[in-house]
Amino acid sequence: MRRLREERFDSRVSLFDTIRHWHAQGMARREIARRLGVDVKTVRRQLRRIEAGATAPHRSTAPSKLAPFAERIAELVALGRTALSIHAELSGDPLFDASYDLVKRHAARIRRTEPKVYERLEHPPGAEAQLDFGELCRVRHEGRMIRTWAFVMVWPHSRYRIEAVVLDQSVPTFLDALQRALCEAGTAPERISLDNFRSAVLAAQLGLRAYQHEFAKFCAHYGTMPNAVRPRTPTDKGTVENAVGALKKALRGRTFSTLEDLRAGVREHQRAYNAREHSVTRRKPADLFAAEQRGPLPEPYPIATWSEHKVRTDCHVQVLRNYYSVPYTLVGKTVVVRVDAGTVRVFSDLREIALHDRVLAVGRTVTDRAHYPEHKRKSTQEIHDERVARVRAVGPGAAAFLHGLLRSREHVHSDSYRQLMRLIESTPAAAMEMSCLRAAHFENFSIPALREILERQLYELPLDDLRATPASPIANIAIVRPLEVYAQLLRCAS
């Protein structure tokens, strides 16, 4: 509608200028009206305005419904209020009769928006290195499919990259990958710019963010300064953001059967990139990297994380989704656990009480049987083997009875085991052997039968030879009469 009004006004301007021009040349009013195809009264009306000093046609527009409230709307827009809240506030005035769309369009016209402007960052040699993680594909490792991440570290001045594959983003894994990158580069930058991930930066408290303790000590050890960039502002470390995206794009569509295949592919990508001329510097990153050197590195930093855990009733603590045993005397107490790249150490009262090899899988249990009390150190299989050996020590009859008992499906074996062991412990070996031999002879493999043999001393009776057969066959006894016999009886009765 507004565009149509503008077009009509433009046509009136053209008509006004034409009438003024032809009238100045002495053309008659009727001739002007004939040429323009308008009524002569229209020409007279325009000429009266020209004689009155008008330089443009009169533009009549209806007053806006927002005109009485224009000043108030401008104040609210300056305060940052939204069009919806402005309309809701003005709707309380009985004289206000404008729609929300009208208020929204008016607020959009007067609202001043500043364009987003970013400063172009300069990176002197050795001043900064940027690092980040990026999720890659799933690969098979140790018989199952696992997730993988790319650890990427870039020196912005030379564009030199170091890329590695990791299985998680925990503090030991992060520090180990960072230390390997520094050792491969042979130098440490003045500052390390990184994202807001938890392995390096803790959650904000009272508006302040704190660095993870081990990461802060790691940076102090290598003489570099941690630099956590602003959250949700990827432009603060745009070089490594582009590097992660380029690595994902290079691996897209490729299939890796194992973790080693994926790591080999990432190493090949790193080698090829550092040996290729960069589009901005027109130099190879490997050639420019010599300017990034800041001196030799110190001794490697001992990477570890410390945390507190409560000992469970099964004598284990849960650390990084795995379970590690501790002495049973600490059940219910809180211990301190130190985790590094290869070991898990447990401390209580500043004294080391357990040492385990760290497992990188999930849901695994690492147990030292010495941490259990004496009566709990034997495994279920060991207890079973001891019971079998104890029964067989009674004699071959007891062994035969046990063999038949194990084949039985009528009773719970654990209950039968315990009852059999109690009988063995409370009965002389000779009587027990003869009773088991008799029960096995008659293939009656049940604890009640064995107990009855012992109580009634049936084991003293001789055993029948079940293989013997009768000397002469037993005569067949006719128990069914032929039907003719019943027929004769019925005739006699009649």
Protein backbone atom coordinates (compact mmCIF):
# COMPACT_ATOMS: atom_id res chain seq x y z
CA MET A 1 0.00 0.00 0.00
CA ARG A 2 2.79 2.41 0.86
CA ARG A 3 4.52 1.67 -2.43
CA LEU A 4 1.28 2.40 -4.31
CA ARG A 5 0.94 5.73 -2.56
CA GLU A 6 4.51 6.61 -3.50
CA GLU A 7 3.85 5.79 -7.13
CA ARG A 8 0.74 7.99 -7.19
CA PHE A 9 2.63 10.88 -5.62
CA ASP A 10 5.38 10.54 -8.22
CA SER A 11 2.79 10.80 -10.99
CA ARG A 12 1.35 13.98 -9.42
CA VAL A 13 4.82 15.50 -9.26
CA SER A 14 5.32 14.80 -12.95
CA LEU A 15 1.94 16.36 -13.80
CA PHE A 16 2.68 19.46 -11.67
CA ASP A 17 6.08 20.01 -13.29
CA THR A 18 4.69 19.59 -16.81
CA ILE A 19 1.87 22.10 -16.26
CA ARG A 20 4.32 24.60 -14.78
CA HIS A 21 6.75 24.21 -17.68
CA TRP A 22 4.15 24.56 -20.46
CA HIS A 23 2.43 27.48 -18.74
CA ALA A 24 5.77 29.29 -18.54
CA GLN A 25 6.11 28.89 -22.33
CA GLY A 26 2.73 30.61 -22.86
CA MET A 27 0.61 27.57 -23.67
CA ALA A 28 -3.13 27.99 -23.08
CA ARG A 29 -4.84 26.14 -20.26
CA ARG A 30 -7.18 24.20 -22.51
CA GLU A 31 -4.29 23.14 -24.74
CA ILE A 32 -2.38 21.88 -21.70
CA ALA A 33 -5.45 19.95 -20.52
CA ARG A 34 -5.95 18.45 -23.99
CA ARG A 35 -2.33 17.28 -24.27
CA LEU A 36 -2.24 15.80 -20.75
CA GLY A 37 -5.68 14.18 -21.04
CA VAL A 38 -7.00 15.84 -17.87
CA ASP A 39 -9.82 18.18 -17.07
CA VAL A 40 -9.15 21.87 -17.50
CA LYS A 41 -10.21 22.42 -13.91
CA THR A 42 -7.24 20.29 -12.79
CA VAL A 43 -4.91 22.56 -14.80
CA ARG A 44 -6.48 25.70 -13.27
CA ARG A 45 -6.14 24.27 -9.73
CA GLN A 46 -2.45 23.51 -10.25
CA LEU A 47 -1.83 26.94 -11.80
CA ARG A 48 -3.41 28.65 -8.79
CA ARG A 49 -0.96 26.78 -6.51
CA ILE A 50 1.91 27.78 -8.78
CA GLU A 51 0.87 31.43 -8.71
CA ALA A 52 0.66 31.14 -4.90
CA GLY A 53 4.31 30.07 -4.81
CA ALA A 54 4.05 26.28 -4.57
CA THR A 55 7.02 24.33 -5.94
CA ALA A 56 5.54 20.81 -5.52
CA PRO A 57 2.08 19.29 -5.50
CA HIS A 58 0.21 19.06 -2.22
CA ARG A 59 0.66 15.70 -0.50
CA SER A 60 -2.18 14.75 1.78
CA THR A 61 -1.61 11.80 4.12
CA ALA A 62 -3.75 10.52 6.94
CA PRO A 63 -2.19 11.07 10.36
CA SER A 64 -0.66 7.97 11.92
CA LYS A 65 -2.34 6.33 14.86
CA LEU A 66 1.04 6.36 16.59
CA ALA A 67 1.63 10.10 16.16
CA PRO A 68 0.41 11.02 19.68
CA PHE A 69 2.61 8.28 21.16
CA ALA A 70 5.70 8.69 18.97
CA GLU A 71 7.78 10.31 21.71
CA ARG A 72 6.90 7.64 24.29
CA ILE A 73 7.66 4.84 21.83
CA ALA A 74 11.06 6.40 21.06
CA GLU A 75 11.90 6.48 24.79
CA LEU A 76 10.94 2.84 25.27
CA VAL A 77 12.92 1.75 22.20
CA ALA A 78 15.97 3.59 23.54
CA LEU A 79 15.65 1.60 26.76
CA GLY A 80 15.84 -1.64 24.79
CA ARG A 81 12.19 -2.62 25.18
CA THR A 82 10.72 -5.02 22.67
CA ALA A 83 7.82 -4.12 20.41
CA LEU A 84 5.62 -6.63 22.22
CA SER A 85 6.24 -5.04 25.63
CA ILE A 86 5.76 -1.53 24.17
CA HIS A 87 2.40 -2.49 22.67
CA ALA A 88 1.33 -4.11 25.95
CA GLU A 89 2.17 -0.95 27.90
CA LEU A 90 0.47 1.45 25.48
CA SER A 91 -2.63 -0.71 25.32
CA GLY A 92 -3.49 0.48 28.82
CA ASP A 93 -4.20 3.97 27.40
CA PRO A 94 -7.86 4.23 26.24
CA LEU A 95 -6.78 6.56 23.37
CA PHE A 96 -4.37 3.99 21.96
CA ASP A 97 -5.90 2.07 19.05
CA ALA A 98 -2.91 0.73 17.06
CA SER A 99 -2.15 -2.89 16.28
CA TYR A 100 0.95 -4.77 17.37
CA ASP A 101 2.21 -5.02 13.76
CA LEU A 102 2.06 -1.23 13.41
CA VAL A 103 4.05 -0.77 16.62
CA LYS A 104 6.57 -3.40 15.52
CA ARG A 105 7.19 -1.72 12.14
CA HIS A 106 7.50 1.71 13.74
CA ALA A 107 9.93 0.44 16.40
CA ALA A 108 12.01 -1.30 13.75
CA ARG A 109 12.34 1.96 11.76
CA ILE A 110 13.56 4.01 14.71
CA ARG A 111 15.62 1.31 16.40
CA ARG A 112 19.32 1.81 15.90
CA THR A 113 21.31 -1.37 15.33
CA GLU A 114 25.07 -1.44 15.40
CA PRO A 115 26.78 -3.84 12.97
CA LYS A 116 28.96 -6.57 14.43
CA VAL A 117 32.57 -5.58 14.00
CA TYR A 118 35.52 -7.83 14.83
CA GLU A 119 39.09 -6.77 15.36
CA ARG A 120 41.66 -8.38 13.12
CA LEU A 121 44.01 -10.31 15.39
CA GLU A 122 47.77 -10.21 14.93
CA HIS A 123 49.94 -13.08 16.17
CA PRO A 124 53.67 -12.45 16.64
CA PRO A 125 55.96 -15.51 16.43
CA GLY A 126 55.77 -17.72 19.50
CA ALA A 127 53.17 -15.51 21.21
CA GLU A 128 50.19 -17.83 21.05
CA ALA A 129 49.01 -21.36 20.34
CA GLN A 130 45.33 -22.25 20.07
CA LEU A 131 43.86 -25.67 20.85
CA ASP A 132 40.46 -27.33 20.69
CA PHE A 133 38.66 -30.68 20.50
CA GLY A 134 36.39 -31.92 17.72
CA GLU A 135 34.40 -35.14 17.63
CA LEU A 136 35.35 -37.58 14.87
CA CYS A 137 33.86 -40.93 13.86
CA ARG A 138 33.25 -44.17 15.75
CA VAL A 139 35.80 -46.96 15.31
CA ARG A 140 36.24 -50.47 16.66
CA HIS A 141 38.62 -50.81 19.58
CA GLU A 142 39.04 -53.72 21.98
CA GLY A 143 36.08 -55.53 20.48
CA ARG A 144 33.53 -52.70 20.61
CA MET A 145 32.66 -49.43 18.87
CA ILE A 146 33.95 -46.31 20.64
CA ARG A 147 33.73 -42.55 20.12
CA THR A 148 36.84 -40.59 19.17
CA TRP A 149 37.85 -36.92 19.33
CA ALA A 150 40.51 -34.91 17.53
CA PHE A 151 42.93 -32.85 19.61
CA VAL A 152 44.17 -29.97 17.42
CA MET A 153 46.81 -27.39 18.36
CA VAL A 154 47.73 -24.53 15.99
CA TRP A 155 50.36 -21.80 16.11
CA PRO A 156 48.55 -18.88 14.35
CA HIS A 157 51.69 -17.08 13.14
CA SER A 158 53.05 -20.01 11.12
CA ARG A 159 49.73 -21.95 10.84
CA TYR A 160 51.65 -25.05 12.03
CA ARG A 161 49.31 -27.78 13.26
CA ILE A 162 49.60 -30.77 15.56
CA GLU A 163 46.69 -33.23 15.39
CA ALA A 164 46.02 -36.34 17.49
CA VAL A 165 43.17 -38.76 18.24
CA VAL A 166 41.98 -39.19 21.84
CA LEU A 167 39.26 -41.34 23.41
CA ASP A 168 37.93 -38.83 25.93
CA GLN A 169 38.38 -35.27 27.16
CA SER A 170 39.31 -36.01 30.76
CA VAL A 171 42.02 -34.03 32.51
CA PRO A 172 44.77 -36.70 32.20
CA THR A 173 43.97 -37.30 28.53
CA PHE A 174 43.89 -33.57 27.79
CA LEU A 175 47.16 -32.82 29.58
CA ASP A 176 48.85 -35.86 28.06
CA ALA A 177 47.82 -34.77 24.54
CA LEU A 178 48.96 -31.21 25.25
CA GLN A 179 52.30 -32.37 26.62
CA ARG A 180 52.87 -34.63 23.60
CA ALA A 181 52.11 -31.70 21.31
CA LEU A 182 54.60 -29.45 23.10
CA CYS A 183 57.26 -32.17 23.02
CA GLU A 184 56.65 -32.74 19.30
CA ALA A 185 56.90 -29.00 18.64
CA GLY A 186 59.94 -28.63 20.88
CA THR A 187 58.69 -25.35 22.32
CA ALA A 188 55.93 -23.78 24.41
CA PRO A 189 54.14 -20.56 23.39
CA GLU A 190 53.76 -17.51 25.59
CA ARG A 191 50.05 -18.26 26.04
CA ILE A 192 47.68 -21.10 25.23
CA SER A 193 44.22 -20.03 24.06
CA LEU A 194 41.56 -22.65 24.58
CA ASP A 195 37.84 -23.15 24.83
CA ASN A 196 35.63 -23.29 27.90
CA PHE A 197 35.78 -27.10 28.32
CA ARG A 198 35.83 -28.56 31.83
CA SER A 199 39.23 -30.25 31.60
CA ALA A 200 40.84 -26.79 31.65
CA VAL A 201 38.26 -24.29 32.91
CA LEU A 202 35.94 -24.93 35.85
CA ALA A 203 32.34 -23.74 35.98
CA ALA A 204 31.79 -20.09 36.80
CA GLN A 205 31.09 -19.25 40.43
CA LEU A 206 30.04 -15.75 41.48
CA GLY A 207 30.64 -14.63 37.91
CA LEU A 208 34.28 -15.82 37.84
CA ARG A 209 35.84 -18.79 36.05
CA ALA A 210 38.76 -20.73 37.51
CA TYR A 211 41.32 -22.91 35.78
CA GLN A 212 41.51 -26.59 36.60
CA HIS A 213 44.21 -27.07 39.24
CA GLU A 214 46.39 -29.53 37.33
CA PHE A 215 46.13 -27.49 34.12
CA ALA A 216 47.23 -24.33 35.93
CA LYS A 217 50.23 -26.17 37.41
CA PHE A 218 51.01 -27.63 33.98
CA CYS A 219 51.14 -24.16 32.41
CA ALA A 220 53.34 -22.87 35.23
CA HIS A 221 55.70 -25.82 34.71
CA TYR A 222 56.17 -24.99 31.03
CA GLY A 223 56.30 -21.21 31.51
CA THR A 224 53.18 -20.48 29.50
CA MET A 225 50.02 -18.60 30.39
CA PRO A 226 46.54 -20.12 30.04
CA ASN A 227 44.09 -17.96 28.13
CA ALA A 228 40.47 -19.10 28.30
CA VAL A 229 38.62 -17.17 25.61
CA ARG A 230 35.10 -15.81 25.96
CA PRO A 231 32.34 -18.43 25.97
CA ARG A 232 30.39 -18.83 22.73
CA THR A 233 32.84 -16.55 20.88
CA PRO A 234 34.68 -18.76 18.37
CA THR A 235 36.29 -15.76 16.67
CA ASP A 236 38.66 -15.42 19.66
CA LYS A 237 40.43 -18.57 18.44
CA GLY A 238 39.33 -18.71 14.84
CA THR A 239 42.53 -20.33 13.58
CA VAL A 240 42.03 -23.58 15.48
CA GLU A 241 38.27 -23.52 14.79
CA ASN A 242 39.04 -23.55 11.07
CA ALA A 243 41.66 -26.26 11.60
CA VAL A 244 39.19 -28.59 13.34
CA GLY A 245 36.66 -28.03 10.58
CA ALA A 246 39.28 -28.70 7.89
CA LEU A 247 40.30 -31.98 9.55
CA LYS A 248 36.69 -33.18 9.77
CA LYS A 249 36.16 -32.27 6.12
CA ALA A 250 39.30 -34.15 5.09
CA LEU A 251 38.13 -37.32 6.92
CA ARG A 252 34.52 -37.07 5.75
CA GLY A 253 33.41 -40.07 3.71
CA ARG A 254 36.39 -42.22 4.72
CA THR A 255 36.02 -45.48 6.64
CA PHE A 256 38.47 -46.56 9.35
CA SER A 257 38.23 -50.12 10.62
CA THR A 258 40.40 -49.66 13.74
CA LEU A 259 41.64 -46.93 16.02
CA GLU A 260 45.16 -47.24 14.62
CA ASP A 261 43.86 -46.70 11.08
CA LEU A 262 42.17 -43.48 12.20
CA ARG A 263 45.31 -42.26 13.96
CA ALA A 264 47.39 -43.03 10.88
CA GLY A 265 44.96 -41.04 8.72
CA VAL A 266 45.14 -38.03 11.07
CA ARG A 267 48.95 -38.15 11.15
CA GLU A 268 49.06 -38.21 7.36
CA HIS A 269 46.73 -35.21 7.19
CA GLN A 270 48.94 -33.28 9.61
CA ARG A 271 52.09 -34.09 7.64
CA ALA A 272 50.55 -33.11 4.31
CA TYR A 273 49.13 -29.84 5.65
CA ASN A 274 52.35 -28.65 7.29
CA ALA A 275 54.29 -29.41 4.09
CA ARG A 276 51.84 -27.50 1.83
CA GLU A 277 52.00 -23.78 1.04
CA HIS A 278 49.40 -21.81 3.01
CA SER A 279 46.99 -19.62 1.06
CA VAL A 280 47.53 -16.58 3.36
CA THR A 281 51.24 -16.63 4.21
CA ARG A 282 52.33 -18.16 0.90
CA ARG A 283 54.82 -20.17 2.91
CA LYS A 284 54.86 -23.72 4.21
CA PRO A 285 53.91 -23.94 7.92
CA ALA A 286 56.84 -26.31 8.52
CA ASP A 287 59.24 -23.65 7.17
CA LEU A 288 57.76 -20.81 9.22
CA PHE A 289 57.63 -22.79 12.45
CA ALA A 290 61.28 -22.14 13.24
CA ALA A 291 60.31 -18.57 14.19
CA GLU A 292 57.96 -19.92 16.89
CA GLN A 293 60.78 -21.42 18.98
CA ARG A 294 61.21 -19.94 22.46
CA GLY A 295 63.85 -22.14 23.97
CA PRO A 296 64.17 -25.71 25.25
CA LEU A 297 61.43 -27.40 27.23
CA PRO A 298 61.78 -28.47 30.88
CA GLU A 299 61.39 -32.04 32.08
CA PRO A 300 57.98 -33.59 31.37
CA TYR A 301 55.26 -32.67 33.81
CA PRO A 302 53.85 -35.57 35.89
CA ILE A 303 50.24 -35.55 34.74
CA ALA A 304 47.65 -36.55 37.32
CA THR A 305 44.25 -35.64 38.73
CA TRP A 306 43.20 -35.73 42.37
CA SER A 307 39.69 -36.42 43.59
CA GLU A 308 37.84 -37.70 46.67
CA HIS A 309 35.70 -40.85 46.65
CA LYS A 310 33.72 -42.79 49.23
CA VAL A 311 34.60 -46.48 49.61
CA ARG A 312 31.68 -48.74 48.74
CA THR A 313 30.60 -51.77 50.75
CA ASP A 314 32.16 -54.01 48.07
CA CYS A 315 35.59 -52.50 48.93
CA HIS A 316 35.81 -50.51 45.69
CA VAL A 317 35.82 -46.84 44.67
CA GLN A 318 34.33 -45.64 41.41
CA VAL A 319 36.83 -43.59 39.43
CA LEU A 320 36.18 -42.42 35.85
CA ARG A 321 33.35 -44.98 35.45
CA ASN A 322 35.57 -47.89 36.53
CA TYR A 323 35.96 -49.64 39.90
CA TYR A 324 39.21 -50.08 41.85
CA SER A 325 39.57 -52.02 45.12
CA VAL A 326 40.87 -50.64 48.43
CA PRO A 327 41.40 -52.37 51.83
CA TYR A 328 38.12 -53.43 53.44
CA THR A 329 38.93 -51.51 56.65
CA LEU A 330 38.13 -48.27 54.80
CA VAL A 331 34.55 -49.17 53.82
CA GLY A 332 32.33 -46.12 54.29
CA LYS A 333 35.27 -43.71 54.56
CA THR A 334 36.44 -41.08 52.08
CA VAL A 335 39.79 -41.57 50.35
CA VAL A 336 41.85 -39.46 47.94
CA VAL A 337 42.52 -40.90 44.48
CA ARG A 338 45.32 -39.82 42.15
CA VAL A 339 44.89 -40.75 38.48
CA ASP A 340 47.63 -40.32 35.90
CA ALA A 341 48.11 -41.69 32.41
CA GLY A 342 48.86 -45.24 33.54
CA THR A 343 48.13 -45.73 37.25
CA VAL A 344 45.47 -45.16 39.90
CA ARG A 345 46.78 -44.50 43.42
CA VAL A 346 44.58 -44.37 46.52
CA PHE A 347 45.59 -42.43 49.64
CA SER A 348 44.22 -42.32 53.15
CA ASP A 349 45.66 -40.00 55.79
CA LEU A 350 48.48 -39.04 53.37
CA ARG A 351 49.49 -42.71 53.06
CA GLU A 352 49.24 -44.74 49.87
CA ILE A 353 47.00 -47.75 50.48
CA ALA A 354 46.34 -49.08 46.95
CA LEU A 355 47.99 -49.03 43.54
CA HIS A 356 46.33 -50.23 40.31
CA ASP A 357 47.01 -50.05 36.60
CA ARG A 358 44.57 -47.65 35.00
CA VAL A 359 42.09 -49.10 32.49
CA LEU A 360 40.80 -46.87 29.67
CA ALA A 361 37.64 -48.87 29.05
CA VAL A 362 34.34 -48.20 30.81
CA GLY A 363 32.60 -50.33 33.42
CA ARG A 364 35.65 -52.48 34.26
CA THR A 365 36.55 -53.74 37.76
CA VAL A 366 40.13 -53.98 38.99
CA THR A 367 40.36 -56.02 42.21
CA ASP A 368 43.22 -56.98 44.49
CA ARG A 369 41.99 -60.01 46.48
CA ALA A 370 44.29 -59.03 49.33
CA HIS A 371 42.03 -56.05 50.01
CA TYR A 372 39.23 -58.38 51.20
CA PRO A 373 39.11 -59.98 54.66
CA GLU A 374 40.50 -63.49 54.94
CA HIS A 375 37.16 -65.27 54.61
CA LYS A 376 36.27 -63.22 51.50
CA ARG A 377 39.48 -63.61 49.53
CA LYS A 378 38.49 -66.85 47.85
CA SER A 379 36.54 -66.65 44.66
CA THR A 380 33.34 -68.61 44.09
CA GLN A 381 35.15 -71.07 41.85
CA GLU A 382 37.87 -71.61 44.43
CA ILE A 383 35.25 -72.33 47.09
CA HIS A 384 33.53 -74.79 44.75
CA ASP A 385 36.79 -76.58 43.97
CA GLU A 386 37.58 -76.90 47.68
CA ARG A 387 34.16 -78.41 48.37
CA VAL A 388 34.54 -80.96 45.57
CA ALA A 389 38.00 -81.90 46.83
CA ARG A 390 36.67 -82.29 50.38
CA VAL A 391 33.87 -84.64 49.24
CA ARG A 392 36.18 -86.73 47.07
CA ALA A 393 38.60 -87.09 49.95
CA VAL A 394 35.98 -89.19 51.79
CA GLY A 395 36.19 -91.92 49.19
CA PRO A 396 34.97 -93.16 45.79
CA GLY A 397 31.45 -93.68 47.11
CA ALA A 398 31.19 -90.03 48.15
CA ALA A 399 32.60 -88.99 44.79
CA ALA A 400 29.98 -91.10 42.98
CA PHE A 401 27.19 -89.63 45.11
CA LEU A 402 28.41 -86.08 44.40
CA HIS A 403 28.50 -86.81 40.68
CA GLY A 404 24.89 -87.96 40.74
CA LEU A 405 23.89 -85.02 42.89
CA LEU A 406 25.31 -82.56 40.34
CA ARG A 407 23.29 -84.20 37.56
CA SER A 408 20.07 -83.81 39.50
CA ARG A 409 17.68 -81.03 38.47
CA GLU A 410 15.17 -81.49 41.29
CA HIS A 411 16.82 -79.37 44.01
CA VAL A 412 18.95 -76.24 44.30
CA HIS A 413 22.58 -77.36 44.19
CA SER A 414 23.84 -74.75 46.65
CA ASP A 415 21.45 -76.02 49.33
CA SER A 416 22.42 -79.65 48.66
CA TYR A 417 26.10 -78.68 48.83
CA ARG A 418 25.76 -77.12 52.24
CA GLN A 419 23.76 -80.06 53.66
CA LEU A 420 26.23 -82.58 52.25
CA MET A 421 29.16 -80.68 53.72
CA ARG A 422 27.45 -80.59 57.14
CA LEU A 423 26.92 -84.36 57.00
CA ILE A 424 30.55 -84.94 56.09
CA GLU A 425 31.74 -82.73 58.95
CA SER A 426 29.49 -84.47 61.53
CA THR A 427 29.80 -88.11 60.39
CA PRO A 428 32.75 -90.51 60.58
CA ALA A 429 34.41 -90.94 57.22
CA ALA A 430 33.85 -94.72 57.03
CA ALA A 431 30.10 -94.48 57.73
CA MET A 432 29.79 -91.59 55.30
CA GLU A 433 31.62 -93.48 52.55
CA MET A 434 29.46 -96.62 52.97
CA SER A 435 26.23 -94.54 53.06
CA CYS A 436 27.17 -92.65 49.90
CA LEU A 437 28.13 -95.94 48.25
CA ARG A 438 24.72 -97.47 49.09
CA ALA A 439 22.80 -94.39 47.88
CA ALA A 440 24.76 -94.34 44.64
CA HIS A 441 24.22 -98.11 44.21
CA PHE A 442 20.44 -97.60 44.21
CA GLU A 443 20.81 -94.29 42.25
CA ASN A 444 19.00 -92.36 44.95
CA PHE A 445 20.95 -89.08 44.84
CA SER A 446 19.13 -87.03 47.45
CA ILE A 447 20.20 -85.65 50.79
CA PRO A 448 17.11 -86.94 52.68
CA ALA A 449 17.82 -90.51 51.45
CA LEU A 450 21.46 -90.22 52.50
CA ARG A 451 20.45 -88.88 55.91
CA GLU A 452 17.98 -91.77 56.39
CA ILE A 453 20.69 -94.32 55.54
CA LEU A 454 22.93 -92.77 58.17
CA GLU A 455 20.25 -92.54 60.85
CA ARG A 456 18.99 -96.14 60.36
CA GLN A 457 22.53 -97.44 59.79
CA LEU A 458 21.42 -99.10 56.57
CA TYR A 459 24.97 -98.82 55.29
CA GLU A 460 25.78 -101.99 57.30
CA LEU A 461 23.41 -104.12 55.18
CA PRO A 462 24.78 -106.00 52.19
CA LEU A 463 24.15 -104.54 48.77
CA ASP A 464 21.87 -106.46 46.38
CA ASP A 465 23.20 -107.37 42.98
CA LEU A 466 20.93 -105.32 40.72
CA ARG A 467 22.33 -107.11 37.66
CA ALA A 468 20.99 -110.57 38.77
CA THR A 469 17.92 -112.07 36.97
CA PRO A 470 15.25 -114.55 38.37
CA ALA A 471 16.10 -118.26 37.97
CA SER A 472 12.74 -119.12 36.31
CA PRO A 473 10.20 -116.86 34.69
CA ILE A 474 7.12 -116.04 36.67
CA ALA A 475 3.94 -117.74 35.35
CA ASN A 476 1.51 -115.47 33.66
CA ILE A 477 -1.63 -114.96 35.69
CA ALA A 478 -4.87 -114.65 33.74
CA ILE A 479 -6.74 -111.71 35.08
CA VAL A 480 -9.22 -111.31 32.21
CA ARG A 481 -11.88 -113.96 31.30
CA PRO A 482 -12.95 -114.51 27.71
CA LEU A 483 -16.32 -113.06 26.71
CA GLU A 484 -17.75 -116.57 26.06
CA VAL A 485 -17.55 -117.37 29.77
CA TYR A 486 -19.74 -114.40 30.64
CA ALA A 487 -22.20 -115.40 27.92
CA GLN A 488 -22.56 -118.91 29.40
CA LEU A 489 -23.10 -117.44 32.88
CA LEU A 490 -25.87 -115.23 31.57
CA ARG A 491 -27.64 -118.18 29.87
CA CYS A 492 -27.45 -120.25 33.01
CA ALA A 493 -28.88 -117.43 35.04
CA SER A 494 -31.79 -117.12 32.64
